[in-house]
Amino acid sequence: MDTQPLRLLALAAALALPACQPTQAPARAVASAPTDSELVARGDYLVRIAGCNDCHTPGYMDKLGDVDRSQWLIGNTMGFRGPWGTTYPANLRLKAADMDEATWLTYTGNLHVRPMMPDFAVRAMSEDDRRALYRLIKSLGAPGQPAPTYLPPGQKPTPPYIELVLPPVPAPAAAAPGVAAPVDATAPVVSPQRG
């Protein structure tokens, strides 16, 4: 008796049987959006480690970070004076007070301000981190008073301020005709005034 057709039929049935069985999709880890309290906690962490409090919270550096949260990010009267004029760390509570979250994310994602603020660091943050900063700032309470306003170059600020005295930029070396002048990589770069 030829069993070949029976073996083929059994093999076909064995192969077809799983296709008839209901299958269950593999479980996928679904990332849930962080809660408001998780975002506030993340923002708290970020302002501590990213140095936001160092400038935007009065006395934070002097007290080695031991400043009550009620004083966080209210701006500072300690100015930074340099070739750009004198700038003051802004009251971030006031800055965020009139912004909704989407406006804040756009503003911080495109942030360009005067020195000493490292705006490039804020632009490099992920959107989730900038959202966490916003949620923290909004959780801190009443906005308070604005920091002193910017003073243009040549106007002497009232103390306290930190003055940054930079060496003069060396004159570019004369280049031979047809040869590009060398670039001095050690010369200080001063950002143009930005709003």
C-alpha atoms as a PDB file:
ATOM      1  CA  MET A   1       0.000   0.000   0.000  1.00  0.00           C
ATOM      2  CA  ASP A   2       1.331   3.369  -0.997  1.00  0.00           C
ATOM      3  CA  THR A   3       1.358   5.630   2.105  1.00  0.00           C
ATOM      4  CA  GLN A   4       2.859   8.571   0.304  1.00  0.00           C
ATOM      5  CA  PRO A   5      -0.490  10.352  -0.343  1.00  0.00           C
ATOM      6  CA  LEU A   6      -1.510   9.831   3.296  1.00  0.00           C
ATOM      7  CA  ARG A   7       1.733  11.309   4.568  1.00  0.00           C
ATOM      8  CA  LEU A   8       1.338  14.308   2.283  1.00  0.00           C
ATOM      9  CA  LEU A   9      -2.252  14.790   3.460  1.00  0.00           C
ATOM     10  CA  ALA A  10      -1.162  14.596   7.120  1.00  0.00           C
ATOM     11  CA  LEU A  11       1.656  17.057   6.476  1.00  0.00           C
ATOM     12  CA  ALA A  12      -0.700  19.491   4.740  1.00  0.00           C
ATOM     13  CA  ALA A  13      -3.179  19.215   7.625  1.00  0.00           C
ATOM     14  CA  ALA A  14      -0.431  19.801  10.172  1.00  0.00           C
ATOM     15  CA  LEU A  15       0.734  22.869   8.305  1.00  0.00           C
ATOM     16  CA  ALA A  16      -2.781  24.232   7.827  1.00  0.00           C
ATOM     17  CA  LEU A  17      -3.939  23.576  11.385  1.00  0.00           C
ATOM     18  CA  PRO A  18      -2.051  26.533  12.968  1.00  0.00           C
ATOM     19  CA  ALA A  19      -3.542  28.859  10.361  1.00  0.00           C
ATOM     20  CA  CYS A  20      -7.013  27.874  11.561  1.00  0.00           C
ATOM     21  CA  GLN A  21      -6.205  28.521  15.196  1.00  0.00           C
ATOM     22  CA  PRO A  22      -6.888  31.975  16.630  1.00  0.00           C
ATOM     23  CA  THR A  23      -3.648  33.769  17.215  1.00  0.00           C
ATOM     24  CA  GLN A  24      -2.846  36.251  19.887  1.00  0.00           C
ATOM     25  CA  ALA A  25      -0.738  39.265  18.992  1.00  0.00           C
ATOM     26  CA  PRO A  26       2.413  39.535  21.052  1.00  0.00           C
ATOM     27  CA  ALA A  27       2.011  41.871  23.973  1.00  0.00           C
ATOM     28  CA  ARG A  28       3.589  45.240  23.320  1.00  0.00           C
ATOM     29  CA  ALA A  29       4.794  47.625  25.928  1.00  0.00           C
ATOM     30  CA  VAL A  30       2.737  50.753  25.488  1.00  0.00           C
ATOM     31  CA  ALA A  31       4.516  53.835  26.699  1.00  0.00           C
ATOM     32  CA  SER A  32       2.067  55.901  28.636  1.00  0.00           C
ATOM     33  CA  ALA A  33       2.372  59.650  28.809  1.00  0.00           C
ATOM     34  CA  PRO A  34       3.909  60.821  32.071  1.00  0.00           C
ATOM     35  CA  THR A  35       1.516  62.224  34.637  1.00  0.00           C
ATOM     36  CA  ASP A  36       1.641  65.866  35.681  1.00  0.00           C
ATOM     37  CA  SER A  37       3.323  64.935  38.972  1.00  0.00           C
ATOM     38  CA  GLU A  38       5.944  62.894  37.102  1.00  0.00           C
ATOM     39  CA  LEU A  39       6.632  65.859  34.804  1.00  0.00           C
ATOM     40  CA  VAL A  40       6.935  68.227  37.785  1.00  0.00           C
ATOM     41  CA  ALA A  41       9.375  65.816  39.446  1.00  0.00           C
ATOM     42  CA  ARG A  42      11.390  65.613  36.215  1.00  0.00           C
ATOM     43  CA  GLY A  43      11.408  69.422  35.989  1.00  0.00           C
ATOM     44  CA  ASP A  44      12.598  69.635  39.607  1.00  0.00           C
ATOM     45  CA  TYR A  45      15.474  67.304  38.762  1.00  0.00           C
ATOM     46  CA  LEU A  46      16.365  69.226  35.601  1.00  0.00           C
ATOM     47  CA  VAL A  47      16.530  72.679  37.221  1.00  0.00           C
ATOM     48  CA  ARG A  48      18.839  71.233  39.876  1.00  0.00           C
ATOM     49  CA  ILE A  49      21.258  69.455  37.547  1.00  0.00           C
ATOM     50  CA  ALA A  50      21.109  71.755  34.515  1.00  0.00           C
ATOM     51  CA  GLY A  51      22.031  74.823  36.554  1.00  0.00           C
ATOM     52  CA  CYS A  52      18.768  76.755  36.051  1.00  0.00           C
ATOM     53  CA  ASN A  53      18.559  77.539  39.773  1.00  0.00           C
ATOM     54  CA  ASP A  54      22.224  78.594  39.844  1.00  0.00           C
ATOM     55  CA  CYS A  55      21.359  81.872  38.123  1.00  0.00           C
ATOM     56  CA  HIS A  56      17.574  82.234  38.143  1.00  0.00           C
ATOM     57  CA  THR A  57      17.178  81.634  41.912  1.00  0.00           C
ATOM     58  CA  PRO A  58      18.669  84.311  44.198  1.00  0.00           C
ATOM     59  CA  GLY A  59      21.222  82.953  46.686  1.00  0.00           C
ATOM     60  CA  TYR A  60      21.119  79.416  45.317  1.00  0.00           C
ATOM     61  CA  MET A  61      24.873  79.173  44.785  1.00  0.00           C
ATOM     62  CA  ASP A  62      25.717  80.994  48.032  1.00  0.00           C
ATOM     63  CA  LYS A  63      23.550  78.594  50.032  1.00  0.00           C
ATOM     64  CA  LEU A  64      24.785  75.521  48.155  1.00  0.00           C
ATOM     65  CA  GLY A  65      21.325  74.823  46.810  1.00  0.00           C
ATOM     66  CA  ASP A  66      19.580  75.080  50.162  1.00  0.00           C
ATOM     67  CA  VAL A  67      16.880  77.520  49.018  1.00  0.00           C
ATOM     68  CA  ASP A  68      13.184  76.990  49.619  1.00  0.00           C
ATOM     69  CA  ARG A  69      11.229  76.064  46.480  1.00  0.00           C
ATOM     70  CA  SER A  70       9.063  79.131  47.019  1.00  0.00           C
ATOM     71  CA  GLN A  71      12.087  81.181  45.862  1.00  0.00           C
ATOM     72  CA  TRP A  72      12.999  79.066  42.854  1.00  0.00           C
ATOM     73  CA  LEU A  73      13.266  80.696  39.421  1.00  0.00           C
ATOM     74  CA  ILE A  74      12.032  84.176  40.435  1.00  0.00           C
ATOM     75  CA  GLY A  75      14.869  85.933  38.612  1.00  0.00           C
ATOM     76  CA  ASN A  76      17.955  87.523  40.055  1.00  0.00           C
ATOM     77  CA  THR A  77      19.389  90.981  40.649  1.00  0.00           C
ATOM     78  CA  MET A  78      22.926  89.643  40.109  1.00  0.00           C
ATOM     79  CA  GLY A  79      23.860  90.971  36.686  1.00  0.00           C
ATOM     80  CA  PHE A  80      26.371  89.737  34.154  1.00  0.00           C
ATOM     81  CA  ARG A  81      28.258  92.536  32.439  1.00  0.00           C
ATOM     82  CA  GLY A  82      30.315  92.059  29.298  1.00  0.00           C
ATOM     83  CA  PRO A  83      30.709  93.417  25.773  1.00  0.00           C
ATOM     84  CA  TRP A  84      26.989  92.764  25.184  1.00  0.00           C
ATOM     85  CA  GLY A  85      25.942  95.039  28.078  1.00  0.00           C
ATOM     86  CA  THR A  86      24.490  93.788  31.376  1.00  0.00           C
ATOM     87  CA  THR A  87      21.965  90.982  31.492  1.00  0.00           C
ATOM     88  CA  TYR A  88      20.009  89.581  34.417  1.00  0.00           C
ATOM     89  CA  PRO A  89      18.627  86.082  34.879  1.00  0.00           C
ATOM     90  CA  ALA A  90      14.925  86.363  34.044  1.00  0.00           C
ATOM     91  CA  ASN A  91      12.035  85.541  36.327  1.00  0.00           C
ATOM     92  CA  LEU A  92      11.040  82.296  34.634  1.00  0.00           C
ATOM     93  CA  ARG A  93       7.721  82.216  36.483  1.00  0.00           C
ATOM     94  CA  LEU A  94       6.777  85.495  34.821  1.00  0.00           C
ATOM     95  CA  LYS A  95       8.158  84.273  31.492  1.00  0.00           C
ATOM     96  CA  ALA A  96       5.912  81.194  31.587  1.00  0.00           C
ATOM     97  CA  ALA A  97       2.896  82.908  33.186  1.00  0.00           C
ATOM     98  CA  ASP A  98       1.399  84.149  29.925  1.00  0.00           C
ATOM     99  CA  MET A  99       2.312  81.107  27.843  1.00  0.00           C
ATOM    100  CA  ASP A 100       0.407  77.913  27.329  1.00  0.00           C
ATOM    101  CA  GLU A 101       2.432  74.735  27.042  1.00  0.00           C
ATOM    102  CA  ALA A 102       2.568  74.748  23.231  1.00  0.00           C
ATOM    103  CA  THR A 103       3.805  78.355  23.198  1.00  0.00           C
ATOM    104  CA  TRP A 104       6.445  77.509  25.823  1.00  0.00           C
ATOM    105  CA  LEU A 105       7.670  74.546  23.768  1.00  0.00           C
ATOM    106  CA  THR A 106       7.990  76.719  20.660  1.00  0.00           C
ATOM    107  CA  TYR A 107       9.667  79.552  22.597  1.00  0.00           C
ATOM    108  CA  THR A 108      12.220  77.314  24.334  1.00  0.00           C
ATOM    109  CA  GLY A 109      12.834  75.234  21.212  1.00  0.00           C
ATOM    110  CA  ASN A 110      13.940  78.406  19.406  1.00  0.00           C
ATOM    111  CA  LEU A 111      15.458  80.282  22.339  1.00  0.00           C
ATOM    112  CA  HIS A 112      18.043  82.939  21.417  1.00  0.00           C
ATOM    113  CA  VAL A 113      18.916  85.435  24.155  1.00  0.00           C
ATOM    114  CA  ARG A 114      21.927  87.463  25.274  1.00  0.00           C
ATOM    115  CA  PRO A 115      24.818  85.998  27.258  1.00  0.00           C
ATOM    116  CA  MET A 116      25.283  84.600  29.912  1.00  0.00           C
ATOM    117  CA  MET A 117      22.243  82.389  29.352  1.00  0.00           C
ATOM    118  CA  PRO A 118      23.306  79.143  27.640  1.00  0.00           C
ATOM    119  CA  ASP A 119      20.318  79.173  25.271  1.00  0.00           C
ATOM    120  CA  PHE A 120      21.956  76.445  23.183  1.00  0.00           C
ATOM    121  CA  ALA A 121      21.533  74.048  26.116  1.00  0.00           C
ATOM    122  CA  VAL A 122      17.791  74.713  26.303  1.00  0.00           C
ATOM    123  CA  ARG A 123      17.414  74.279  22.542  1.00  0.00           C
ATOM    124  CA  ALA A 124      19.233  70.936  22.845  1.00  0.00           C
ATOM    125  CA  MET A 125      16.768  69.632  25.451  1.00  0.00           C
ATOM    126  CA  SER A 126      14.135  67.172  24.345  1.00  0.00           C
ATOM    127  CA  GLU A 127      10.578  68.424  24.049  1.00  0.00           C
ATOM    128  CA  ASP A 128       9.647  66.231  27.020  1.00  0.00           C
ATOM    129  CA  ASP A 129      12.334  67.878  29.157  1.00  0.00           C
ATOM    130  CA  ARG A 130      11.174  71.362  28.153  1.00  0.00           C
ATOM    131  CA  ARG A 131       7.595  70.298  28.944  1.00  0.00           C
ATOM    132  CA  ALA A 132       8.779  69.119  32.380  1.00  0.00           C
ATOM    133  CA  LEU A 133      10.407  72.513  33.009  1.00  0.00           C
ATOM    134  CA  TYR A 134       7.161  74.239  32.085  1.00  0.00           C
ATOM    135  CA  ARG A 135       5.105  72.049  34.411  1.00  0.00           C
ATOM    136  CA  LEU A 136       7.545  72.630  37.271  1.00  0.00           C
ATOM    137  CA  ILE A 137       7.575  76.401  36.744  1.00  0.00           C
ATOM    138  CA  LYS A 138       3.772  76.514  36.651  1.00  0.00           C
ATOM    139  CA  SER A 139       3.647  74.479  39.894  1.00  0.00           C
ATOM    140  CA  LEU A 140       5.855  76.938  41.801  1.00  0.00           C
ATOM    141  CA  GLY A 141       3.170  79.524  42.413  1.00  0.00           C
ATOM    142  CA  ALA A 142       2.831  83.282  42.041  1.00  0.00           C
ATOM    143  CA  PRO A 143       5.128  84.800  39.426  1.00  0.00           C
ATOM    144  CA  GLY A 144       6.597  87.603  41.549  1.00  0.00           C
ATOM    145  CA  GLN A 145       8.474  90.632  40.258  1.00  0.00           C
ATOM    146  CA  PRO A 146      10.532  90.948  37.074  1.00  0.00           C
ATOM    147  CA  ALA A 147      14.323  90.838  37.194  1.00  0.00           C
ATOM    148  CA  PRO A 148      16.121  94.097  36.359  1.00  0.00           C
ATOM    149  CA  THR A 149      16.049  95.012  32.687  1.00  0.00           C
ATOM    150  CA  TYR A 150      18.923  94.677  30.280  1.00  0.00           C
ATOM    151  CA  LEU A 151      21.462  97.520  30.182  1.00  0.00           C
ATOM    152  CA  PRO A 152      23.227  98.212  26.880  1.00  0.00           C
ATOM    153  CA  PRO A 153      27.039  98.444  26.644  1.00  0.00           C
ATOM    154  CA  GLY A 154      28.441 101.562  28.277  1.00  0.00           C
ATOM    155  CA  GLN A 155      25.770 101.809  30.990  1.00  0.00           C
ATOM    156  CA  LYS A 156      27.172 100.931  34.397  1.00  0.00           C
ATOM    157  CA  PRO A 157      24.941  98.596  36.411  1.00  0.00           C
ATOM    158  CA  THR A 158      24.179  98.909  40.095  1.00  0.00           C
ATOM    159  CA  PRO A 159      25.928  96.201  42.142  1.00  0.00           C
ATOM    160  CA  PRO A 160      25.798  93.290  42.480  1.00  0.00           C
ATOM    161  CA  TYR A 161      27.095  92.194  39.110  1.00  0.00           C
ATOM    162  CA  ILE A 162      29.816  90.016  37.688  1.00  0.00           C
ATOM    163  CA  GLU A 163      31.995  91.704  35.088  1.00  0.00           C
ATOM    164  CA  LEU A 164      33.567  89.614  32.390  1.00  0.00           C
ATOM    165  CA  VAL A 165      36.683  91.276  31.068  1.00  0.00           C
ATOM    166  CA  LEU A 166      37.719  89.621  27.843  1.00  0.00           C
ATOM    167  CA  PRO A 167      41.053  90.087  26.116  1.00  0.00           C
ATOM    168  CA  PRO A 168      40.955  92.227  22.990  1.00  0.00           C
ATOM    169  CA  VAL A 169      40.360  90.336  19.792  1.00  0.00           C
ATOM    170  CA  PRO A 170      43.639  90.255  17.867  1.00  0.00           C
ATOM    171  CA  ALA A 171      43.683  91.936  14.482  1.00  0.00           C
ATOM    172  CA  PRO A 172      43.582  89.427  11.651  1.00  0.00           C
ATOM    173  CA  ALA A 173      46.978  88.620  10.211  1.00  0.00           C
ATOM    174  CA  ALA A 174      47.613  89.959   6.734  1.00  0.00           C
ATOM    175  CA  ALA A 175      47.544  87.180   4.204  1.00  0.00           C
ATOM    176  CA  ALA A 176      49.619  86.926   1.064  1.00  0.00           C
ATOM    177  CA  PRO A 177      47.659  87.672  -2.086  1.00  0.00           C
ATOM    178  CA  GLY A 178      45.481  84.707  -3.001  1.00  0.00           C
ATOM    179  CA  VAL A 179      45.942  83.016   0.395  1.00  0.00           C
ATOM    180  CA  ALA A 180      43.182  82.960   2.997  1.00  0.00           C
ATOM    181  CA  ALA A 181      44.031  84.561   6.345  1.00  0.00           C
ATOM    182  CA  PRO A 182      44.484  82.075   9.196  1.00  0.00           C
ATOM    183  CA  VAL A 183      41.659  81.785  11.707  1.00  0.00           C
ATOM    184  CA  ASP A 184      42.596  82.253  15.357  1.00  0.00           C
ATOM    185  CA  ALA A 185      40.672  79.476  17.112  1.00  0.00           C
ATOM    186  CA  THR A 186      41.628  80.871  20.515  1.00  0.00           C
ATOM    187  CA  ALA A 187      40.042  84.298  19.964  1.00  0.00           C
ATOM    188  CA  PRO A 188      36.938  84.810  22.095  1.00  0.00           C
ATOM    189  CA  VAL A 189      33.661  84.742  20.273  1.00  0.00           C
ATOM    190  CA  VAL A 190      31.030  87.195  21.420  1.00  0.00           C
ATOM    191  CA  SER A 191      27.462  86.592  20.338  1.00  0.00           C
ATOM    192  CA  PRO A 192      25.643  89.521  18.799  1.00  0.00           C
ATOM    193  CA  GLN A 193      22.940  91.145  20.869  1.00  0.00           C
ATOM    194  CA  ARG A 194      19.763  89.151  20.765  1.00  0.00           C
ATOM    195  CA  GLY A 195      16.432  89.734  22.333  1.00  0.00           C
END
